[in-house]
PDB file of N, CA and C in Angstrom:
ATOM      1  N   MET A   1       9.464 -21.864 -16.113  1.00  0.00           N
ATOM      2  CA  MET A   1       9.310 -22.076 -15.058  1.00  0.00           C
ATOM      3  C   MET A   1      10.310 -22.922 -14.441  1.00  0.00           C
ATOM      4  N   LYS A   2      10.835 -24.618 -14.582  1.00  0.00           N
ATOM      5  CA  LYS A   2      11.246 -24.827 -14.064  1.00  0.00           C
ATOM      6  C   LYS A   2      13.132 -23.917 -14.416  1.00  0.00           C
ATOM      7  N   ILE A   3      13.387 -23.617 -15.144  1.00  0.00           N
ATOM      8  CA  ILE A   3      14.855 -23.222 -15.628  1.00  0.00           C
ATOM      9  C   ILE A   3      15.021 -22.567 -14.541  1.00  0.00           C
ATOM     10  N   VAL A   4      14.056 -20.599 -14.451  1.00  0.00           N
ATOM     11  CA  VAL A   4      14.097 -20.200 -13.743  1.00  0.00           C
ATOM     12  C   VAL A   4      14.638 -20.703 -12.440  1.00  0.00           C
ATOM     13  N   SER A   5      13.604 -21.431 -11.688  1.00  0.00           N
ATOM     14  CA  SER A   5      13.633 -22.128 -10.529  1.00  0.00           C
ATOM     15  C   SER A   5      15.323 -23.205 -10.303  1.00  0.00           C
ATOM     16  N   ASN A   6      15.611 -23.687 -11.648  1.00  0.00           N
ATOM     17  CA  ASN A   6      16.962 -24.176 -11.834  1.00  0.00           C
ATOM     18  C   ASN A   6      18.359 -22.984 -10.777  1.00  0.00           C
ATOM     19  N   LEU A   7      17.802 -22.394 -12.705  1.00  0.00           N
ATOM     20  CA  LEU A   7      19.029 -20.661 -12.094  1.00  0.00           C
ATOM     21  C   LEU A   7      19.548 -20.419 -11.356  1.00  0.00           C
ATOM     22  N   LEU A   8      17.952 -20.187 -10.099  1.00  0.00           N
ATOM     23  CA  LEU A   8      17.757 -19.113  -8.996  1.00  0.00           C
ATOM     24  C   LEU A   8      18.993 -20.767  -7.563  1.00  0.00           C
ATOM     25  N   THR A   9      18.347 -21.417  -7.670  1.00  0.00           N
ATOM     26  CA  THR A   9      18.326 -21.975  -6.829  1.00  0.00           C
ATOM     27  C   THR A   9      20.129 -22.706  -6.685  1.00  0.00           C
ATOM     28  N   SER A  10      20.591 -22.421  -7.963  1.00  0.00           N
ATOM     29  CA  SER A  10      21.591 -22.987  -8.125  1.00  0.00           C
ATOM     30  C   SER A  10      23.275 -21.833  -8.162  1.00  0.00           C
ATOM     31  N   ILE A  11      22.367 -20.470  -7.928  1.00  0.00           N
ATOM     32  CA  ILE A  11      23.405 -19.021  -6.378  1.00  0.00           C
ATOM     33  C   ILE A  11      23.102 -19.215  -5.475  1.00  0.00           C
ATOM     34  N   GLU A  12      24.685 -19.247  -5.715  1.00  0.00           N
ATOM     35  CA  GLU A  12      25.295 -19.753  -3.924  1.00  0.00           C
ATOM     36  C   GLU A  12      24.587 -17.440  -3.021  1.00  0.00           C
ATOM     37  N   GLY A  13      23.546 -18.357  -2.262  1.00  0.00           N
ATOM     38  CA  GLY A  13      23.071 -17.033  -0.935  1.00  0.00           C
ATOM     39  C   GLY A  13      22.065 -15.872  -1.733  1.00  0.00           C
ATOM     40  N   ILE A  14      21.683 -16.433  -2.637  1.00  0.00           N
ATOM     41  CA  ILE A  14      20.722 -15.507  -3.125  1.00  0.00           C
ATOM     42  C   ILE A  14      19.468 -15.869  -2.008  1.00  0.00           C
ATOM     43  N   GLN A  15      19.517 -16.793  -0.715  1.00  0.00           N
ATOM     44  CA  GLN A  15      18.003 -17.109  -0.240  1.00  0.00           C
ATOM     45  C   GLN A  15      18.212 -15.214   0.682  1.00  0.00           C
ATOM     46  N   ILE A  16      19.133 -13.927   0.667  1.00  0.00           N
ATOM     47  CA  ILE A  16      19.641 -13.333   1.690  1.00  0.00           C
ATOM     48  C   ILE A  16      18.428 -12.227   1.363  1.00  0.00           C
ATOM     49  N   PHE A  17      17.944 -12.337  -1.044  1.00  0.00           N
ATOM     50  CA  PHE A  17      17.902 -11.325  -1.331  1.00  0.00           C
ATOM     51  C   PHE A  17      15.731 -11.909  -0.966  1.00  0.00           C
ATOM     52  N   TYR A  18      15.893 -13.253  -0.353  1.00  0.00           N
ATOM     53  CA  TYR A  18      14.388 -13.645   0.221  1.00  0.00           C
ATOM     54  C   TYR A  18      13.914 -12.172   1.008  1.00  0.00           C
ATOM     55  N   ILE A  19      14.287 -12.637   2.407  1.00  0.00           N
ATOM     56  CA  ILE A  19      14.500 -12.913   3.180  1.00  0.00           C
ATOM     57  C   ILE A  19      14.118 -10.898   3.386  1.00  0.00           C
ATOM     58  N   ILE A  20      15.606 -10.532   2.383  1.00  0.00           N
ATOM     59  CA  ILE A  20      15.557  -9.247   3.037  1.00  0.00           C
ATOM     60  C   ILE A  20      13.940  -8.605   1.984  1.00  0.00           C
ATOM     61  N   GLY A  21      13.718  -9.396   1.253  1.00  0.00           N
ATOM     62  CA  GLY A  21      12.329  -8.665   0.533  1.00  0.00           C
ATOM     63  C   GLY A  21      11.040  -8.622   1.547  1.00  0.00           C
ATOM     64  N   LEU A  22      10.867  -9.657   2.245  1.00  0.00           N
ATOM     65  CA  LEU A  22       9.924 -10.362   2.965  1.00  0.00           C
ATOM     66  C   LEU A  22      10.127  -9.004   3.363  1.00  0.00           C
ATOM     67  N   LEU A  23      11.423  -9.233   4.700  1.00  0.00           N
ATOM     68  CA  LEU A  23      11.170  -7.905   5.984  1.00  0.00           C
ATOM     69  C   LEU A  23      10.586  -6.041   5.164  1.00  0.00           C
ATOM     70  N   ILE A  24      11.318  -6.156   5.003  1.00  0.00           N
ATOM     71  CA  ILE A  24      10.949  -4.682   3.496  1.00  0.00           C
ATOM     72  C   ILE A  24       9.357  -5.287   3.254  1.00  0.00           C
ATOM     73  N   PHE A  25       8.741  -5.693   3.317  1.00  0.00           N
ATOM     74  CA  PHE A  25       7.240  -6.033   2.673  1.00  0.00           C
ATOM     75  C   PHE A  25       6.352  -5.456   3.750  1.00  0.00           C
ATOM     76  N   VAL A  26       7.563  -6.160   5.203  1.00  0.00           N
ATOM     77  CA  VAL A  26       6.236  -6.799   6.933  1.00  0.00           C
ATOM     78  C   VAL A  26       6.585  -5.269   7.204  1.00  0.00           C
ATOM     79  N   LEU A  27       7.825  -4.660   7.548  1.00  0.00           N
ATOM     80  CA  LEU A  27       8.465  -3.283   7.686  1.00  0.00           C
ATOM     81  C   LEU A  27       7.210  -2.587   6.896  1.00  0.00           C
ATOM     82  N   LEU A  28       7.442  -2.496   6.019  1.00  0.00           N
ATOM     83  CA  LEU A  28       6.124  -0.442   5.372  1.00  0.00           C
ATOM     84  C   LEU A  28       5.078  -1.694   5.747  1.00  0.00           C
ATOM     85  N   PHE A  29       4.936  -2.679   5.929  1.00  0.00           N
ATOM     86  CA  PHE A  29       2.858  -2.717   5.591  1.00  0.00           C
ATOM     87  C   PHE A  29       2.581  -2.212   7.189  1.00  0.00           C
ATOM     88  N   ILE A  30       3.852  -2.660   8.482  1.00  0.00           N
ATOM     89  CA  ILE A  30       4.020  -2.224   9.893  1.00  0.00           C
ATOM     90  C   ILE A  30       3.637  -0.321  10.140  1.00  0.00           C
ATOM     91  N   VAL A  31       4.682  -0.106   9.399  1.00  0.00           N
ATOM     92  CA  VAL A  31       4.815   1.619   9.389  1.00  0.00           C
ATOM     93  C   VAL A  31       3.643   1.826   8.905  1.00  0.00           C
ATOM     94  N   ILE A  32       2.955   1.544   7.285  1.00  0.00           N
ATOM     95  CA  ILE A  32       1.108   2.033   7.417  1.00  0.00           C
ATOM     96  C   ILE A  32      -0.161   2.146   8.096  1.00  0.00           C
ATOM     97  N   PHE A  33       0.311  -0.102   8.208  1.00  0.00           N
ATOM     98  CA  PHE A  33      -0.817   0.172   9.395  1.00  0.00           C
ATOM     99  C   PHE A  33      -0.760   1.353  10.998  1.00  0.00           C
ATOM    100  N   ILE A  34       0.411   1.536  11.673  1.00  0.00           N
ATOM    101  CA  ILE A  34       0.463   2.227  12.258  1.00  0.00           C
ATOM    102  C   ILE A  34       0.100   3.672  12.189  1.00  0.00           C
ATOM    103  N   ARG A  35       0.786   4.650  10.999  1.00  0.00           N
ATOM    104  CA  ARG A  35       0.872   5.482  10.586  1.00  0.00           C
ATOM    105  C   ARG A  35      -1.192   5.683  10.477  1.00  0.00           C
ATOM    106  N   THR A  36      -1.631   4.493   9.905  1.00  0.00           N
ATOM    107  CA  THR A  36      -3.595   4.910   9.764  1.00  0.00           C
ATOM    108  C   THR A  36      -3.663   4.765  11.072  1.00  0.00           C
ATOM    109  N   MET A  37      -3.902   3.953  12.032  1.00  0.00           N
ATOM    110  CA  MET A  37      -4.333   3.402  13.304  1.00  0.00           C
ATOM    111  C   MET A  37      -4.759   5.865  14.482  1.00  0.00           C
ATOM    112  N   ARG A  38      -2.901   6.415  14.195  1.00  0.00           N
ATOM    113  CA  ARG A  38      -2.844   6.806  14.052  1.00  0.00           C
ATOM    114  C   ARG A  38      -3.180   7.888  13.907  1.00  0.00           C
ATOM    115  N   ILE A  39      -4.271   8.171  12.640  1.00  0.00           N
ATOM    116  CA  ILE A  39      -4.462   9.108  12.171  1.00  0.00           C
ATOM    117  C   ILE A  39      -6.250   9.788  12.823  1.00  0.00           C
ATOM    118  N   PRO A  40      -6.398  10.433  13.654  1.00  0.00           N
ATOM    119  CA  PRO A  40      -7.307  10.917  14.229  1.00  0.00           C
ATOM    120  C   PRO A  40      -8.903  10.436  13.814  1.00  0.00           C
ATOM    121  N   ASN A  41      -9.880  10.366  14.753  1.00  0.00           N
ATOM    122  CA  ASN A  41     -11.283   9.408  13.323  1.00  0.00           C
ATOM    123  C   ASN A  41     -11.878  10.740  13.059  1.00  0.00           C
ATOM    124  N   GLN A  42     -11.388  12.136  13.611  1.00  0.00           N
ATOM    125  CA  GLN A  42     -12.332  13.643  13.135  1.00  0.00           C
ATOM    126  C   GLN A  42     -12.247  13.680  11.734  1.00  0.00           C
ATOM    127  N   GLU A  43     -10.181  13.836  12.185  1.00  0.00           N
ATOM    128  CA  GLU A  43      -9.974  13.838  10.167  1.00  0.00           C
ATOM    129  C   GLU A  43     -10.206  12.501   9.188  1.00  0.00           C
ATOM    130  N   MET A  44     -10.664  11.100   9.238  1.00  0.00           N
ATOM    131  CA  MET A  44     -10.480  10.528   8.690  1.00  0.00           C
ATOM    132  C   MET A  44     -12.347  10.993   8.563  1.00  0.00           C
ATOM    133  N   GLU A  45     -12.952  11.551   8.804  1.00  0.00           N
ATOM    134  CA  GLU A  45     -14.144  12.093   8.754  1.00  0.00           C
ATOM    135  C   GLU A  45     -14.188  12.603   7.221  1.00  0.00           C
ATOM    136  N   ASP A  46     -13.509  13.667   7.601  1.00  0.00           N
ATOM    137  CA  ASP A  46     -13.184  14.944   7.360  1.00  0.00           C
ATOM    138  C   ASP A  46     -12.955  14.093   5.224  1.00  0.00           C
ATOM    139  N   ILE A  47     -12.474  13.499   5.528  1.00  0.00           N
ATOM    140  CA  ILE A  47     -11.413  12.977   4.086  1.00  0.00           C
ATOM    141  C   ILE A  47     -12.450  12.372   3.333  1.00  0.00           C
ATOM    142  N   LYS A  48     -13.081  11.432   4.336  1.00  0.00           N
ATOM    143  CA  LYS A  48     -14.034  10.861   3.843  1.00  0.00           C
ATOM    144  C   LYS A  48     -15.406  11.530   3.201  1.00  0.00           C
ATOM    145  N   ASN A  49     -16.032  12.227   4.116  1.00  0.00           N
ATOM    146  CA  ASN A  49     -16.904  13.868   3.581  1.00  0.00           C
ATOM    147  C   ASN A  49     -16.499  14.580   2.700  1.00  0.00           C
ATOM    148  N   SER A  50     -14.566  14.489   2.424  1.00  0.00           N
ATOM    149  CA  SER A  50     -14.116  16.012   1.078  1.00  0.00           C
ATOM    150  C   SER A  50     -14.326  14.974   0.676  1.00  0.00           C
ATOM    151  N   ILE A  51     -14.580  13.747   0.075  1.00  0.00           N
ATOM    152  CA  ILE A  51     -14.379  12.523  -1.574  1.00  0.00           C
ATOM    153  C   ILE A  51     -15.579  13.281  -1.797  1.00  0.00           C
ATOM    154  N   LEU A  52     -16.698  12.704  -0.518  1.00  0.00           N
ATOM    155  CA  LEU A  52     -18.360  12.381  -0.719  1.00  0.00           C
ATOM    156  C   LEU A  52     -18.611  13.565  -1.255  1.00  0.00           C
ATOM    157  N   MET A  53     -18.060  14.646  -1.559  1.00  0.00           N
ATOM    158  CA  MET A  53     -18.248  16.362  -1.723  1.00  0.00           C
ATOM    159  C   MET A  53     -17.839  16.755  -2.795  1.00  0.00           C
ATOM    160  N   ASP A  54     -16.403  15.957  -3.402  1.00  0.00           N
ATOM    161  CA  ASP A  54     -15.791  16.556  -4.331  1.00  0.00           C
ATOM    162  C   ASP A  54     -16.916  16.414  -5.442  1.00  0.00           C
ATOM    163  N   GLY A  55     -17.519  14.850  -5.435  1.00  0.00           N
ATOM    164  CA  GLY A  55     -17.754  14.019  -6.261  1.00  0.00           C
ATOM    165  C   GLY A  55     -19.111  14.755  -7.138  1.00  0.00           C
ATOM    166  N   GLU A  56     -19.680  15.313  -4.955  1.00  0.00           N
ATOM    167  CA  GLU A  56     -21.270  15.683  -5.593  1.00  0.00           C
ATOM    168  C   GLU A  56     -20.855  17.003  -6.606  1.00  0.00           C
ATOM    169  N   SER A  57     -20.575  17.934  -6.366  1.00  0.00           N
ATOM    170  CA  SER A  57     -19.250  19.203  -6.553  1.00  0.00           C
ATOM    171  C   SER A  57     -19.741  19.106  -8.147  1.00  0.00           C
ATOM    172  N   ASN A  58     -19.118  18.621  -8.702  1.00  0.00           N
ATOM    173  CA  ASN A  58     -18.714  17.439 -10.406  1.00  0.00           C
ATOM    174  C   ASN A  58     -20.452  17.552 -10.693  1.00  0.00           C
ATOM    175  N   ASP A  59     -21.212  17.351  -9.697  1.00  0.00           N
ATOM    176  CA  ASP A  59     -22.335  16.881 -10.329  1.00  0.00           C
ATOM    177  C   ASP A  59     -23.083  18.044 -11.168  1.00  0.00           C
ATOM    178  N   ILE A  60     -23.433  18.436 -10.016  1.00  0.00           N
ATOM    179  CA  ILE A  60     -23.950  20.091  -9.405  1.00  0.00           C
ATOM    180  C   ILE A  60     -23.355  21.404 -10.824  1.00  0.00           C
ATOM    181  N   ASN A  61     -22.140  21.303 -11.239  1.00  0.00           N
ATOM    182  CA  ASN A  61     -21.249  22.302 -11.258  1.00  0.00           C
ATOM    183  C   ASN A  61     -21.675  21.226 -13.083  1.00  0.00           C
ATOM    184  N   THR A  62     -21.625  20.769 -13.705  1.00  0.00           N
ATOM    185  CA  THR A  62     -21.892  19.430 -15.174  1.00  0.00           C
ATOM    186  C   THR A  62     -23.715  19.874 -15.323  1.00  0.00           C
ATOM    187  N   SER A  63     -24.147  20.499 -14.766  1.00  0.00           N
ATOM    188  CA  SER A  63     -25.884  20.956 -14.954  1.00  0.00           C
ATOM    189  C   SER A  63     -26.186  21.937 -15.222  1.00  0.00           C
ATOM    190  N   ASN A  64     -25.484  23.577 -15.242  1.00  0.00           N
ATOM    191  CA  ASN A  64     -25.564  24.686 -14.722  1.00  0.00           C
ATOM    192  C   ASN A  64     -25.223  24.194 -16.524  1.00  0.00           C
TER     193      ASN A  64
END
């Protein structure tokens, strides 16, 4: 690991890639958080119930 660390520190301007990567991660996290919080509660309940119902319908079909 020391070889990689030494190689990366010897490259000029490599810090910008760390900053860009961190900014992309933070922006993506913020966008996903905002989109999730804007979903109406009824739609979230529908999604939750559809997941639960899907599992039950498979169990009923396999017992026939």
